[in-house]
Amino acid sequence: MRNLIRKNPHNLPAALHRDLNLLILAVTFGMAYMTVYNGPSLNSFIRSLGGGDFVFAVIMAMPVFTGLLQLVASAALQRAGRRKAMFITAGLIQRLILLPVALVPIFIPERFQGMRILLVLLLIGVNAGAQAFMSIIFNSWVGALVPNDIRGRYFSRRALISTITSLIVAPLSGLFLDRVPGPKGYAILFGVVAVLGAMDIVCFFWISDPPMVLPRSDKPLHHRLVQPLKDRNYRQFILYATFLQFSLNLAASFFTPFMREYCHMSMLSITVLTQMVGSASTILFIGRIGNMIDRFGTKTVLTVAAWAVTFMPLLWMFCTDRNYIVPILLVQLFAGILWPALDLGLMNLSIWLAPEEDRPTYLAGYAFVMALFGILPGQLLGGALMEGFGAWLKAHPLAWFTGSPMAPFHLLLFLSFFGRLLCTVFLLPRIHDKDTKGTPLDVVRAFFVPEGQWIRRKG
């Protein structure tokens, strides 16, 4: 098999090197699925079923309702210790459930709109439940596989490959739905990516599963579940991540509707400007991000990304139906650099701040608290504000500073900006990462100046 992480420059054991390559091969297939499932294609599909803003937010928040299953998954994993069998079973369910989702509008007539939405809601719930098991098991698995000293470079390489896949799939899916609109187009697209997603899971048949380090404590489950909250440093991390996700999810579900309905953009335009531009930016810079994580530490890079991400909602406020290309282009150029840095930072801290023997419990507690108190309230409040403030604006129209009418999404953008600012200023500094090796200013310098030149200038 062709090496996907180059030629083994770190002299890893052959079996481990093969496993890491297979993880990258798997994400190549999996990203085709995730690009469609988490992108504008599924958002547009749900809109086509007739759901309003609040219904849309509830449907998008369905993965959060299954957060309790993270705790069940953690307990089951630590009891059974069989990561591979549990992951493959949950993974195939999660990926293939997209097939019946696509068939709902084909087999249920349009006059039964409520039944359509309810059935899709239930199927997304099954998908989210399986994903709850997958995420806990996957993070425990890769935490045992990937050596600490190369995790930044390895995960950045993995992100690079997945981004290239997204860059190919995103425009093709948008173009296909513009050419084959309606239920038939969604059924074909979702069917193809469901199969590709299943191929991702099949790759794990050949990845070794290291023996799990089981908890030393024989305390009952309910005592172990509060353990992450008793760890002061991990508690600070959970608090930061939860409030950050609340702030992000206030507006997250409504970017696509905003572009479609306020800016009057086509699906192809949305795909090109949001996914392709961001992906191209990621491809150019993700390797540098991984190197900086290994060089300066996860929290140092996360701090720089968090500050920059804080101000991104302000650029969206300049979008109108006559002027959206430049603001969205700038946002996505920055997003392609900043979101991978933020995501890698949160993932690394969630895994490696936790002690290995209790890692599944810590990860489950983190995911549960973040989902229940961050993602879910953010999405539900965002949906309620979209409908409530939207109704008020219809009765009391206001002009936005661009000269266009004010939209309810503008309120969500401001609240998201304010929430990001608060958690970056007050919560992020409280987290301690023992692997921190530099300052945010060092990261900024290293990003813009080649390493050798920076060392000479610093000296």
Protein backbone atom coordinates (compact mmCIF):
# COMPACT_ATOMS: atom_id res chain seq x y z
CA MET A 1 0.00 0.00 0.00
CA ARG A 2 1.30 3.42 -0.90
CA ASN A 3 2.43 5.39 2.12
CA LEU A 4 -0.02 8.15 2.99
CA ILE A 5 2.09 9.72 5.73
CA ARG A 6 5.26 9.74 3.70
CA LYS A 7 8.07 7.26 4.26
CA ASN A 8 8.05 6.66 8.02
CA PRO A 9 10.48 9.48 8.93
CA HIS A 10 10.02 8.76 12.64
CA ASN A 11 11.12 5.11 12.35
CA LEU A 12 7.82 3.80 13.67
CA PRO A 13 7.31 0.03 13.94
CA ALA A 14 6.04 -1.34 10.62
CA ALA A 15 2.69 -2.47 12.09
CA LEU A 16 2.05 0.94 13.67
CA HIS A 17 3.00 2.74 10.46
CA ARG A 18 0.53 0.57 8.54
CA ASP A 19 -2.21 1.31 11.10
CA LEU A 20 -1.65 5.06 10.83
CA ASN A 21 -1.80 4.83 7.04
CA LEU A 22 -5.06 2.90 7.25
CA LEU A 23 -6.52 5.60 9.51
CA ILE A 24 -5.78 8.14 6.79
CA LEU A 25 -7.20 5.89 4.06
CA ALA A 26 -10.36 5.47 6.13
CA VAL A 27 -10.87 9.20 6.57
CA THR A 28 -10.52 9.64 2.80
CA PHE A 29 -13.73 7.64 2.33
CA GLY A 30 -15.34 8.99 5.48
CA MET A 31 -14.86 12.61 4.52
CA ALA A 32 -16.95 12.12 1.38
CA TYR A 33 -19.80 11.10 3.68
CA MET A 34 -19.18 13.87 6.23
CA THR A 35 -18.94 16.59 3.57
CA VAL A 36 -22.47 15.84 2.41
CA TYR A 37 -24.01 14.96 5.78
CA ASN A 38 -22.64 18.02 7.60
CA GLY A 39 -22.77 20.40 4.66
CA PRO A 40 -25.35 22.48 2.79
CA SER A 41 -26.72 19.43 0.98
CA LEU A 42 -28.40 17.99 4.08
CA ASN A 43 -29.42 21.46 5.23
CA SER A 44 -31.12 22.08 1.91
CA PHE A 45 -32.77 18.63 2.06
CA ILE A 46 -34.32 19.37 5.45
CA ARG A 47 -35.54 22.75 4.20
CA SER A 48 -37.17 21.03 1.23
CA LEU A 49 -39.23 18.94 3.65
CA GLY A 50 -40.91 22.12 4.87
CA GLY A 51 -39.38 22.56 8.32
CA GLY A 52 -39.28 26.09 9.73
CA ASP A 53 -36.33 27.64 11.52
CA PHE A 54 -37.15 26.13 14.89
CA VAL A 55 -37.89 22.68 13.45
CA PHE A 56 -34.66 22.94 11.49
CA ALA A 57 -32.71 23.75 14.66
CA VAL A 58 -34.29 20.83 16.53
CA ILE A 59 -33.40 18.44 13.69
CA MET A 60 -29.83 19.72 13.59
CA ALA A 61 -29.63 19.38 17.37
CA MET A 62 -30.68 15.72 17.35
CA PRO A 63 -27.10 14.47 17.84
CA VAL A 64 -27.08 16.36 21.12
CA PHE A 65 -30.13 14.57 22.51
CA THR A 66 -28.16 11.34 22.36
CA GLY A 67 -25.34 12.77 24.48
CA LEU A 68 -26.39 10.51 27.33
CA LEU A 69 -25.35 7.57 25.15
CA GLN A 70 -21.76 8.85 25.41
CA LEU A 71 -21.89 7.81 29.04
CA VAL A 72 -23.39 4.43 28.18
CA ALA A 73 -20.74 3.94 25.48
CA SER A 74 -17.96 4.78 27.94
CA ALA A 75 -19.25 2.29 30.51
CA ALA A 76 -19.76 -0.43 27.90
CA LEU A 77 -16.31 0.16 26.41
CA GLN A 78 -14.53 0.00 29.75
CA ARG A 79 -16.45 -3.13 30.69
CA ALA A 80 -15.98 -5.00 27.40
CA GLY A 81 -12.62 -3.57 26.29
CA ARG A 82 -13.44 -4.45 22.65
CA ARG A 83 -13.00 -1.23 20.73
CA LYS A 84 -12.87 -2.73 17.25
CA ALA A 85 -16.11 -4.76 17.34
CA MET A 86 -18.10 -1.94 18.97
CA PHE A 87 -16.75 0.73 16.62
CA ILE A 88 -17.41 -1.23 13.42
CA THR A 89 -20.96 -2.14 14.46
CA ALA A 90 -21.87 1.42 15.41
CA GLY A 91 -20.07 2.82 12.36
CA LEU A 92 -21.94 0.74 9.79
CA ILE A 93 -25.27 1.66 11.38
CA GLN A 94 -24.36 5.34 11.46
CA ARG A 95 -23.26 5.51 7.83
CA LEU A 96 -25.94 3.33 6.20
CA ILE A 97 -28.87 5.00 8.02
CA LEU A 98 -28.51 7.82 5.49
CA LEU A 99 -30.15 5.57 2.87
CA PRO A 100 -33.64 5.53 4.44
CA VAL A 101 -33.32 9.27 5.20
CA ALA A 102 -33.00 9.93 1.47
CA LEU A 103 -36.00 7.74 0.65
CA VAL A 104 -38.44 9.51 3.00
CA PRO A 105 -39.69 12.12 0.45
CA ILE A 106 -39.91 9.46 -2.27
CA PHE A 107 -42.17 7.07 -0.38
CA ILE A 108 -44.12 9.52 1.84
CA PRO A 109 -46.35 12.00 -0.06
CA GLU A 110 -45.83 15.72 0.42
CA ARG A 111 -49.23 16.15 2.08
CA PHE A 112 -47.90 14.17 5.07
CA GLN A 113 -45.30 16.85 5.86
CA GLY A 114 -45.40 16.29 9.61
CA MET A 115 -44.80 12.56 9.19
CA ARG A 116 -41.88 13.25 6.86
CA ILE A 117 -40.19 15.52 9.36
CA LEU A 118 -40.86 13.19 12.29
CA LEU A 119 -39.41 10.17 10.46
CA VAL A 120 -36.30 12.08 9.40
CA LEU A 121 -35.96 13.26 13.01
CA LEU A 122 -36.05 9.65 14.24
CA LEU A 123 -33.51 8.46 11.66
CA ILE A 124 -31.13 11.33 12.47
CA GLY A 125 -31.53 10.31 16.11
CA VAL A 126 -30.39 6.77 15.27
CA ASN A 127 -27.47 8.25 13.34
CA ALA A 128 -26.56 10.44 16.30
CA GLY A 129 -26.83 7.56 18.74
CA ALA A 130 -24.42 5.46 16.70
CA GLN A 131 -22.12 8.49 16.38
CA ALA A 132 -22.09 8.81 20.17
CA PHE A 133 -20.59 5.33 20.45
CA MET A 134 -18.19 5.93 17.55
CA SER A 135 -16.68 9.13 18.88
CA ILE A 136 -15.91 7.76 22.35
CA ILE A 137 -14.37 4.59 20.93
CA PHE A 138 -12.44 6.34 18.17
CA ASN A 139 -10.84 8.89 20.48
CA SER A 140 -9.85 6.17 22.94
CA TRP A 141 -8.47 4.09 20.05
CA VAL A 142 -6.36 6.80 18.40
CA GLY A 143 -5.22 8.02 21.80
CA ALA A 144 -3.64 4.60 22.27
CA LEU A 145 -2.25 4.39 18.72
CA VAL A 146 -0.75 7.80 17.87
CA PRO A 147 2.57 8.64 19.60
CA ASN A 148 2.48 11.93 21.51
CA ASP A 149 5.54 13.41 19.84
CA ILE A 150 4.05 13.28 16.31
CA ARG A 151 0.35 13.85 17.01
CA GLY A 152 0.32 17.41 15.65
CA ARG A 153 1.98 16.48 12.37
CA TYR A 154 0.06 13.22 12.04
CA PHE A 155 -3.39 14.71 12.59
CA SER A 156 -2.56 17.66 10.34
CA ARG A 157 -1.55 15.19 7.59
CA ARG A 158 -4.79 13.30 8.15
CA ALA A 159 -6.72 16.56 8.00
CA LEU A 160 -4.93 17.49 4.77
CA ILE A 161 -6.04 14.28 3.07
CA SER A 162 -9.61 14.64 4.32
CA THR A 163 -9.70 18.26 3.18
CA ILE A 164 -8.62 17.32 -0.33
CA THR A 165 -11.45 14.79 -0.38
CA SER A 166 -13.89 17.47 0.76
CA LEU A 167 -12.58 19.84 -1.89
CA ILE A 168 -13.46 17.28 -4.56
CA VAL A 169 -16.79 16.11 -3.14
CA ALA A 170 -18.24 19.49 -2.17
CA PRO A 171 -18.49 21.08 -5.64
CA LEU A 172 -19.56 17.81 -7.24
CA SER A 173 -22.42 17.39 -4.76
CA GLY A 174 -23.53 21.02 -5.16
CA LEU A 175 -23.40 20.82 -8.95
CA PHE A 176 -25.26 17.49 -8.94
CA LEU A 177 -28.12 18.86 -6.80
CA ASP A 178 -28.40 21.92 -9.06
CA ARG A 179 -28.64 19.59 -12.09
CA VAL A 180 -30.82 16.89 -10.46
CA PRO A 181 -33.02 18.76 -7.97
CA GLY A 182 -35.71 17.28 -5.77
CA PRO A 183 -36.06 13.91 -4.00
CA LYS A 184 -34.39 11.94 -6.80
CA GLY A 185 -31.20 13.99 -6.59
CA TYR A 186 -31.00 13.67 -2.80
CA ALA A 187 -31.65 9.90 -2.96
CA ILE A 188 -28.84 9.31 -5.44
CA LEU A 189 -26.34 11.58 -3.69
CA PHE A 190 -27.06 10.24 -0.20
CA GLY A 191 -26.92 6.65 -1.46
CA VAL A 192 -23.46 7.11 -2.98
CA VAL A 193 -21.95 8.82 0.08
CA ALA A 194 -23.53 6.25 2.44
CA VAL A 195 -21.61 3.52 0.62
CA LEU A 196 -18.39 5.56 0.74
CA GLY A 197 -18.95 6.14 4.45
CA ALA A 198 -19.33 2.41 5.00
CA MET A 199 -16.00 1.85 3.22
CA ASP A 200 -14.42 4.13 5.83
CA ILE A 201 -15.62 1.79 8.58
CA VAL A 202 -14.51 -1.34 6.71
CA CYS A 203 -10.89 -0.07 6.82
CA PHE A 204 -10.93 -0.54 10.60
CA PHE A 205 -11.12 -4.33 10.18
CA TRP A 206 -7.35 -4.22 9.50
CA ILE A 207 -6.31 -1.65 12.15
CA SER A 208 -4.88 -3.18 15.30
CA ASP A 209 -6.60 -2.50 18.62
CA PRO A 210 -4.02 -2.13 21.43
CA PRO A 211 -5.04 -3.63 24.78
CA MET A 212 -7.00 -1.10 26.81
CA VAL A 213 -5.67 0.25 30.08
CA LEU A 214 -8.68 -0.37 32.33
CA PRO A 215 -9.57 1.90 35.28
CA ARG A 216 -7.75 1.10 38.49
CA SER A 217 -10.81 2.02 40.54
CA ASP A 218 -13.69 -0.36 41.04
CA LYS A 219 -16.06 2.45 42.03
CA PRO A 220 -19.58 2.25 40.59
CA LEU A 221 -20.38 3.98 37.32
CA HIS A 222 -22.08 7.06 38.76
CA HIS A 223 -18.95 7.83 40.81
CA ARG A 224 -16.66 7.50 37.81
CA LEU A 225 -18.91 9.69 35.64
CA VAL A 226 -18.32 12.75 37.84
CA GLN A 227 -14.58 12.09 37.88
CA PRO A 228 -13.77 14.50 35.00
CA LEU A 229 -15.54 17.30 36.88
CA LYS A 230 -13.46 16.63 39.99
CA ASP A 231 -10.27 17.09 37.96
CA ARG A 232 -9.77 20.86 38.23
CA ASN A 233 -7.84 21.28 34.99
CA TYR A 234 -10.14 19.07 32.95
CA ARG A 235 -13.14 20.86 34.47
CA GLN A 236 -11.74 24.18 33.24
CA PHE A 237 -11.31 22.67 29.79
CA ILE A 238 -14.91 21.38 29.76
CA LEU A 239 -16.20 24.79 30.87
CA TYR A 240 -14.32 26.57 28.08
CA ALA A 241 -15.32 24.09 25.36
CA THR A 242 -18.97 24.09 26.48
CA PHE A 243 -19.37 27.86 26.44
CA LEU A 244 -17.48 28.05 23.15
CA GLN A 245 -19.82 25.50 21.55
CA PHE A 246 -22.83 27.39 22.89
CA SER A 247 -21.57 30.57 21.26
CA LEU A 248 -20.75 28.85 17.96
CA ASN A 249 -24.05 26.99 17.72
CA LEU A 250 -26.21 30.06 18.23
CA ALA A 251 -25.65 30.78 14.54
CA ALA A 252 -24.13 27.57 13.15
CA SER A 253 -27.35 26.05 11.78
CA PHE A 254 -28.38 29.17 9.88
CA PHE A 255 -25.45 30.12 7.67
CA THR A 256 -26.80 28.13 4.73
CA PRO A 257 -30.39 29.49 5.04
CA PHE A 258 -28.90 33.00 5.33
CA MET A 259 -26.94 32.56 2.12
CA ARG A 260 -29.88 30.97 0.28
CA GLU A 261 -32.67 33.29 1.44
CA TYR A 262 -30.97 36.62 2.26
CA CYS A 263 -28.07 36.62 -0.19
CA HIS A 264 -29.98 34.61 -2.87
CA MET A 265 -27.00 32.34 -3.60
CA SER A 266 -27.23 29.10 -5.57
CA MET A 267 -26.14 25.79 -4.07
CA LEU A 268 -23.11 25.77 -6.35
CA SER A 269 -22.10 29.29 -5.25
CA ILE A 270 -22.46 28.32 -1.60
CA THR A 271 -20.39 25.20 -2.11
CA VAL A 272 -17.62 27.00 -3.99
CA LEU A 273 -17.35 29.95 -1.59
CA THR A 274 -17.79 28.09 1.69
CA GLN A 275 -16.35 24.64 1.22
CA MET A 276 -13.93 24.90 -1.72
CA VAL A 277 -12.23 28.14 -0.67
CA GLY A 278 -11.91 27.00 2.93
CA SER A 279 -10.60 23.61 1.84
CA ALA A 280 -7.99 25.16 -0.43
CA SER A 281 -6.80 27.35 2.44
CA THR A 282 -6.59 24.32 4.72
CA ILE A 283 -4.57 22.36 2.16
CA LEU A 284 -2.03 25.18 1.97
CA PHE A 285 -1.57 25.68 5.72
CA ILE A 286 -2.60 22.54 7.65
CA GLY A 287 0.93 21.12 7.59
CA ARG A 288 2.27 24.27 9.19
CA ILE A 289 -0.42 24.10 11.89
CA GLY A 290 0.55 20.54 12.79
CA ASN A 291 4.23 21.47 13.01
CA MET A 292 3.42 24.41 15.29
CA ILE A 293 1.34 22.21 17.62
CA ASP A 294 4.28 19.84 18.04
CA ARG A 295 6.68 22.75 18.40
CA PHE A 296 4.82 25.18 20.69
CA GLY A 297 2.14 23.01 22.32
CA THR A 298 -1.55 22.56 21.74
CA LYS A 299 -2.86 25.33 23.98
CA THR A 300 -0.54 27.96 22.52
CA VAL A 301 -1.82 27.33 18.99
CA LEU A 302 -5.40 27.03 20.27
CA THR A 303 -5.15 30.47 21.90
CA VAL A 304 -4.15 32.15 18.63
CA ALA A 305 -6.94 30.37 16.71
CA ALA A 306 -9.55 31.17 19.36
CA TRP A 307 -8.78 34.90 19.28
CA ALA A 308 -8.97 35.03 15.49
CA VAL A 309 -12.18 32.95 15.31
CA THR A 310 -13.80 35.36 17.76
CA PHE A 311 -13.98 38.14 15.17
CA MET A 312 -15.14 36.10 12.17
CA PRO A 313 -18.91 36.76 12.71
CA LEU A 314 -18.23 40.47 12.14
CA LEU A 315 -17.25 39.80 8.51
CA TRP A 316 -20.55 38.01 7.87
CA MET A 317 -22.40 41.19 8.85
CA PHE A 318 -21.21 42.86 5.63
CA CYS A 319 -22.97 40.30 3.37
CA THR A 320 -25.90 41.42 1.24
CA ASP A 321 -27.58 40.06 -1.88
CA ARG A 322 -25.46 42.52 -3.90
CA ASN A 323 -22.18 42.15 -2.02
CA TYR A 324 -21.39 38.75 -0.55
CA ILE A 325 -18.41 37.45 -2.50
CA VAL A 326 -15.65 39.47 -0.80
CA PRO A 327 -16.87 39.03 2.83
CA ILE A 328 -17.47 35.29 2.45
CA LEU A 329 -14.20 34.85 0.56
CA LEU A 330 -12.27 36.51 3.40
CA VAL A 331 -14.13 34.50 6.04
CA GLN A 332 -13.40 31.20 4.33
CA LEU A 333 -9.75 32.00 3.67
CA PHE A 334 -9.30 32.56 7.40
CA ALA A 335 -11.61 29.66 8.30
CA GLY A 336 -9.49 27.20 6.34
CA ILE A 337 -6.60 28.00 8.67
CA LEU A 338 -8.36 28.71 11.95
CA TRP A 339 -11.00 25.99 12.23
CA PRO A 340 -8.52 23.12 11.75
CA ALA A 341 -6.27 24.70 14.38
CA LEU A 342 -9.20 25.10 16.77
CA ASP A 343 -10.54 21.58 16.12
CA LEU A 344 -7.12 19.94 16.48
CA GLY A 345 -6.52 21.89 19.66
CA LEU A 346 -9.81 20.87 21.26
CA MET A 347 -9.39 17.25 20.19
CA ASN A 348 -5.82 17.02 21.49
CA LEU A 349 -6.68 18.57 24.85
CA SER A 350 -9.78 16.42 25.30
CA ILE A 351 -7.73 13.25 24.74
CA TRP A 352 -4.36 13.98 26.33
CA LEU A 353 -5.45 16.03 29.34
CA ALA A 354 -7.26 12.88 30.48
CA PRO A 355 -5.37 10.06 32.25
CA GLU A 356 -5.10 7.03 29.96
CA GLU A 357 -6.83 4.57 32.27
CA ASP A 358 -9.89 6.84 32.62
CA ARG A 359 -9.83 8.35 29.13
CA PRO A 360 -13.18 6.92 27.92
CA THR A 361 -14.92 8.22 31.06
CA TYR A 362 -13.33 11.66 30.71
CA LEU A 363 -14.21 11.85 27.01
CA ALA A 364 -17.80 10.78 27.70
CA GLY A 365 -18.22 13.35 30.45
CA TYR A 366 -16.72 16.06 28.26
CA ALA A 367 -18.95 15.20 25.30
CA PHE A 368 -22.08 14.90 27.44
CA VAL A 369 -21.64 18.22 29.25
CA MET A 370 -20.66 20.04 26.06
CA ALA A 371 -23.66 18.64 24.18
CA LEU A 372 -26.24 19.14 26.91
CA PHE A 373 -25.15 22.58 28.11
CA GLY A 374 -23.39 23.96 25.02
CA ILE A 375 -24.50 22.67 21.63
CA LEU A 376 -28.14 21.93 22.44
CA PRO A 377 -29.00 25.24 24.17
CA GLY A 378 -27.11 27.15 21.48
CA GLN A 379 -29.02 25.55 18.62
CA LEU A 380 -32.41 25.73 20.33
CA LEU A 381 -31.94 29.34 21.40
CA GLY A 382 -30.69 30.23 17.93
CA GLY A 383 -33.77 28.64 16.35
CA ALA A 384 -36.13 30.37 18.77
CA LEU A 385 -34.47 33.76 18.16
CA MET A 386 -34.62 33.28 14.38
CA GLU A 387 -38.37 32.70 14.52
CA GLY A 388 -39.19 35.18 17.30
CA PHE A 389 -37.00 38.06 16.16
CA GLY A 390 -37.88 37.30 12.54
CA ALA A 391 -41.57 37.72 13.33
CA TRP A 392 -40.82 40.99 15.15
CA LEU A 393 -38.81 42.31 12.18
CA LYS A 394 -41.71 41.59 9.83
CA ALA A 395 -43.89 43.86 11.96
CA HIS A 396 -41.11 46.40 12.65
CA PRO A 397 -38.69 46.37 9.69
CA LEU A 398 -35.24 47.82 10.37
CA ALA A 399 -32.45 48.83 8.01
CA TRP A 400 -29.03 47.22 8.46
CA PHE A 401 -25.90 49.40 8.24
CA THR A 402 -25.24 48.06 4.71
CA GLY A 403 -28.51 49.58 3.49
CA SER A 404 -30.27 46.22 3.20
CA PRO A 405 -33.05 45.13 5.55
CA MET A 406 -31.93 43.72 8.88
CA ALA A 407 -32.28 39.92 9.17
CA PRO A 408 -32.73 37.93 12.39
CA PHE A 409 -29.44 36.18 11.59
CA HIS A 410 -27.61 39.47 12.23
CA LEU A 411 -28.65 39.26 15.89
CA LEU A 412 -27.27 35.72 16.12
CA LEU A 413 -23.98 36.86 14.58
CA PHE A 414 -23.56 39.56 17.23
CA LEU A 415 -24.43 37.20 20.10
CA SER A 416 -22.03 34.57 18.72
CA PHE A 417 -19.23 37.15 18.53
CA PHE A 418 -19.87 38.34 22.09
CA GLY A 419 -19.95 34.78 23.47
CA ARG A 420 -16.69 33.83 21.71
CA LEU A 421 -15.04 36.94 23.09
CA LEU A 422 -16.07 36.18 26.69
CA CYS A 423 -14.84 32.59 26.70
CA THR A 424 -11.55 33.49 25.00
CA VAL A 425 -10.82 36.27 27.48
CA PHE A 426 -11.98 34.66 30.72
CA LEU A 427 -12.06 30.85 30.32
CA LEU A 428 -9.28 29.75 27.97
CA PRO A 429 -6.40 31.16 30.10
CA ARG A 430 -7.45 28.93 33.04
CA ILE A 431 -6.54 25.70 31.20
CA HIS A 432 -3.07 24.29 31.91
CA ASP A 433 -1.25 22.28 29.24
CA LYS A 434 2.02 20.82 30.48
CA ASP A 435 3.29 20.54 26.89
CA THR A 436 3.19 24.31 26.30
CA LYS A 437 6.54 25.41 24.89
CA GLY A 438 6.01 28.94 23.60
CA THR A 439 3.78 31.99 23.51
CA PRO A 440 1.01 33.00 21.09
CA LEU A 441 3.38 35.61 19.68
CA ASP A 442 5.86 32.83 18.88
CA VAL A 443 3.10 31.03 16.95
CA VAL A 444 2.25 34.12 14.93
CA ARG A 445 5.91 34.71 14.09
CA ALA A 446 6.44 31.08 13.13
CA PHE A 447 3.38 31.15 10.88
CA PHE A 448 4.64 34.08 8.82
CA VAL A 449 8.40 33.51 9.00
CA PRO A 450 10.20 30.28 7.94
CA GLU A 451 11.56 28.40 10.96
CA GLY A 452 15.26 28.81 10.15
CA GLN A 453 14.96 32.57 9.54
CA TRP A 454 12.91 33.05 12.73
CA ILE A 455 15.51 31.23 14.82
CA ARG A 456 18.29 33.40 13.38
CA ARG A 457 16.30 36.62 13.98
CA LYS A 458 15.39 35.53 17.49
CA GLY A 459 19.01 34.76 18.21
